[in-house]
C-alpha atoms as a PDB file:
ATOM      1  CA  MET A   1       0.709  -0.569  22.830  1.00  0.00           C
ATOM      2  CA  ASP A   2       3.357  -1.485  20.287  1.00  0.00           C
ATOM      3  CA  LEU A   3       4.632   0.946  17.700  1.00  0.00           C
ATOM      4  CA  ASP A   4       3.678   0.244  14.104  1.00  0.00           C
ATOM      5  CA  PRO A   5       6.896   0.665  12.088  1.00  0.00           C
ATOM      6  CA  ALA A   6       4.971   1.482   8.907  1.00  0.00           C
ATOM      7  CA  LEU A   7       3.144   4.423  10.457  1.00  0.00           C
ATOM      8  CA  ASP A   8       5.417   5.188  13.383  1.00  0.00           C
ATOM      9  CA  THR A   9       2.308   5.252  15.572  1.00  0.00           C
ATOM     10  CA  PRO A  10       1.093   2.935  18.305  1.00  0.00           C
ATOM     11  CA  ILE A  11      -1.135  -0.011  17.492  1.00  0.00           C
ATOM     12  CA  PRO A  12      -3.971   0.102  20.026  1.00  0.00           C
ATOM     13  CA  ASP A  13      -4.145  -2.998  22.205  1.00  0.00           C
ATOM     14  CA  ALA A  14      -7.947  -2.730  22.025  1.00  0.00           C
ATOM     15  CA  LEU A  15      -7.803  -3.272  18.253  1.00  0.00           C
ATOM     16  CA  ILE A  16      -5.700  -6.404  18.630  1.00  0.00           C
ATOM     17  CA  GLU A  17      -7.956  -7.689  21.417  1.00  0.00           C
ATOM     18  CA  ARG A  18     -11.063  -7.068  19.286  1.00  0.00           C
ATOM     19  CA  LEU A  19      -9.641  -8.995  16.326  1.00  0.00           C
ATOM     20  CA  VAL A  20      -8.714 -11.860  18.636  1.00  0.00           C
ATOM     21  CA  ARG A  21     -12.205 -11.906  20.144  1.00  0.00           C
ATOM     22  CA  VAL A  22     -14.296 -11.282  17.008  1.00  0.00           C
ATOM     23  CA  ARG A  23     -12.276 -13.225  14.437  1.00  0.00           C
ATOM     24  CA  GLY A  24     -10.728 -15.905  16.616  1.00  0.00           C
ATOM     25  CA  LEU A  25      -7.193 -14.928  15.611  1.00  0.00           C
ATOM     26  CA  SER A  26      -4.143 -15.420  17.745  1.00  0.00           C
ATOM     27  CA  PRO A  27      -2.716 -12.157  19.090  1.00  0.00           C
ATOM     28  CA  SER A  28       0.344 -12.493  16.836  1.00  0.00           C
ATOM     29  CA  SER A  29      -1.813 -13.072  13.729  1.00  0.00           C
ATOM     30  CA  ALA A  30      -4.030 -10.119  14.607  1.00  0.00           C
ATOM     31  CA  ARG A  31      -0.970  -7.883  15.041  1.00  0.00           C
ATOM     32  CA  GLN A  32       0.494  -9.056  11.710  1.00  0.00           C
ATOM     33  CA  ILE A  33      -2.753  -8.230   9.911  1.00  0.00           C
ATOM     34  CA  VAL A  34      -2.927  -4.765  11.453  1.00  0.00           C
ATOM     35  CA  GLU A  35       0.712  -4.113  10.534  1.00  0.00           C
ATOM     36  CA  GLU A  36       0.105  -5.280   6.948  1.00  0.00           C
ATOM     37  CA  VAL A  37      -2.945  -3.034   6.534  1.00  0.00           C
ATOM     38  CA  ALA A  38      -1.084  -0.097   8.072  1.00  0.00           C
ATOM     39  CA  GLY A  39       1.818  -0.686   5.689  1.00  0.00           C
ATOM     40  CA  PHE A  40      -0.550  -0.808   2.727  1.00  0.00           C
ATOM     41  CA  TYR A  41      -2.044   2.571   3.604  1.00  0.00           C
ATOM     42  CA  SER A  42       1.275   4.210   4.469  1.00  0.00           C
ATOM     43  CA  GLU A  43       2.834   3.508   1.051  1.00  0.00           C
ATOM     44  CA  THR A  44       3.679   6.749  -0.756  1.00  0.00           C
ATOM     45  CA  LEU A  45       2.565   7.447  -4.289  1.00  0.00           C
ATOM     46  CA  GLU A  46       6.128   7.011  -5.528  1.00  0.00           C
ATOM     47  CA  GLU A  47       6.572   3.692  -3.710  1.00  0.00           C
ATOM     48  CA  PHE A  48       3.265   2.450  -5.093  1.00  0.00           C
ATOM     49  CA  VAL A  49       4.122   3.446  -8.684  1.00  0.00           C
ATOM     50  CA  ILE A  50       7.537   1.799  -8.567  1.00  0.00           C
ATOM     51  CA  ARG A  51       6.210  -1.378  -6.925  1.00  0.00           C
ATOM     52  CA  ARG A  52       3.311  -1.743  -9.349  1.00  0.00           C
ATOM     53  CA  HIS A  53       5.526  -1.013 -12.351  1.00  0.00           C
ATOM     54  CA  LEU A  54       7.865  -3.827 -11.322  1.00  0.00           C
ATOM     55  CA  GLU A  55       4.980  -6.222 -10.658  1.00  0.00           C
ATOM     56  CA  LEU A  56       3.285  -5.497 -13.991  1.00  0.00           C
ATOM     57  CA  ARG A  57       6.560  -5.708 -15.950  1.00  0.00           C
ATOM     58  CA  ALA A  58       7.127  -9.115 -14.370  1.00  0.00           C
ATOM     59  CA  GLN A  59       3.729 -10.121 -15.793  1.00  0.00           C
ATOM     60  CA  GLY A  60       4.993  -9.182 -19.262  1.00  0.00           C
ATOM     61  CA  LYS A  61       2.985  -5.998 -19.689  1.00  0.00           C
ATOM     62  CA  ARG A  62       4.329  -3.113 -21.762  1.00  0.00           C
ATOM     63  CA  ASN A  63       4.938   0.352 -20.362  1.00  0.00           C
ATOM     64  CA  ALA A  64       2.078   2.130 -22.161  1.00  0.00           C
ATOM     65  CA  GLU A  65      -0.390  -0.377 -20.716  1.00  0.00           C
ATOM     66  CA  ILE A  66       1.288  -0.231 -17.303  1.00  0.00           C
ATOM     67  CA  TYR A  67       1.058   3.574 -17.089  1.00  0.00           C
ATOM     68  CA  ARG A  68      -2.681   3.499 -17.868  1.00  0.00           C
ATOM     69  CA  GLN A  69      -3.315   0.688 -15.396  1.00  0.00           C
ATOM     70  CA  VAL A  70      -1.260   2.277 -12.614  1.00  0.00           C
ATOM     71  CA  ARG A  71      -3.038   5.594 -13.129  1.00  0.00           C
ATOM     72  CA  GLU A  72      -6.411   3.865 -12.843  1.00  0.00           C
ATOM     73  CA  GLU A  73      -5.298   2.033  -9.687  1.00  0.00           C
ATOM     74  CA  ILE A  74      -4.116   5.332  -8.191  1.00  0.00           C
ATOM     75  CA  ARG A  75      -7.533   6.832  -8.907  1.00  0.00           C
ATOM     76  CA  ARG A  76      -9.109   4.124  -6.700  1.00  0.00           C
ATOM     77  CA  ARG A  77      -6.614   4.504  -3.825  1.00  0.00           C
ATOM     78  CA  ARG A  78      -6.182   7.287  -1.317  1.00  0.00           C
ATOM     79  CA  PHE A  79      -3.082   9.359  -1.770  1.00  0.00           C
ATOM     80  CA  ARG A  80      -2.487  12.881  -0.534  1.00  0.00           C
ATOM     81  CA  SER A  81      -1.177  14.042  -3.878  1.00  0.00           C
ATOM     82  CA  PRO A  82      -3.374  14.713  -6.909  1.00  0.00           C
ATOM     83  CA  LEU A  83      -3.833  12.089  -9.622  1.00  0.00           C
ATOM     84  CA  PRO A  84      -0.620  12.068 -11.678  1.00  0.00           C
ATOM     85  CA  SER A  85      -0.535  12.083 -15.457  1.00  0.00           C
ATOM     86  CA  GLU A  86       0.912   9.109 -17.333  1.00  0.00           C
ATOM     87  CA  ARG A  87       3.945  11.318 -18.004  1.00  0.00           C
ATOM     88  CA  ARG A  88       4.431  11.898 -14.264  1.00  0.00           C
ATOM     89  CA  ILE A  89       4.157   8.152 -13.619  1.00  0.00           C
ATOM     90  CA  ARG A  90       6.848   7.535 -16.255  1.00  0.00           C
ATOM     91  CA  ARG A  91       9.093  10.126 -14.565  1.00  0.00           C
ATOM     92  CA  ILE A  92       8.601   8.471 -11.169  1.00  0.00           C
ATOM     93  CA  VAL A  93       9.665   5.131 -12.635  1.00  0.00           C
ATOM     94  CA  TYR A  94      12.605   6.330 -14.688  1.00  0.00           C
ATOM     95  CA  GLY A  95      13.628   9.549 -12.963  1.00  0.00           C
END
C-alpha cells in the first residue's frame, strides 16, 4: 500500500488491482487516477474558492458572476463547512 499524499492515507492495493482488472488500465495509470480523485475530494473550501476564482477570471468573467457561480458549485460539492455567502467567498479570495 502506497500513501496518498493528498489524503495522507494509504491507497489500497486491492483498489489499484481492481481498476487494472476491470478497466484494463496499467497499474501506474490506475494509481494516477486514484490519486487525482483523492486530491479532488481532499481540496478545502478555501482552496476550491481560490482555484475556481482564478479559473473563472481567466475566462473573462466578472466577480459578481464568479461569486454566484462558485457558490452554486459549492452547493453541489461535499465540504465539511456550511455553504458560504457570496460575501464570505469574496473574503476568502481577497482576505
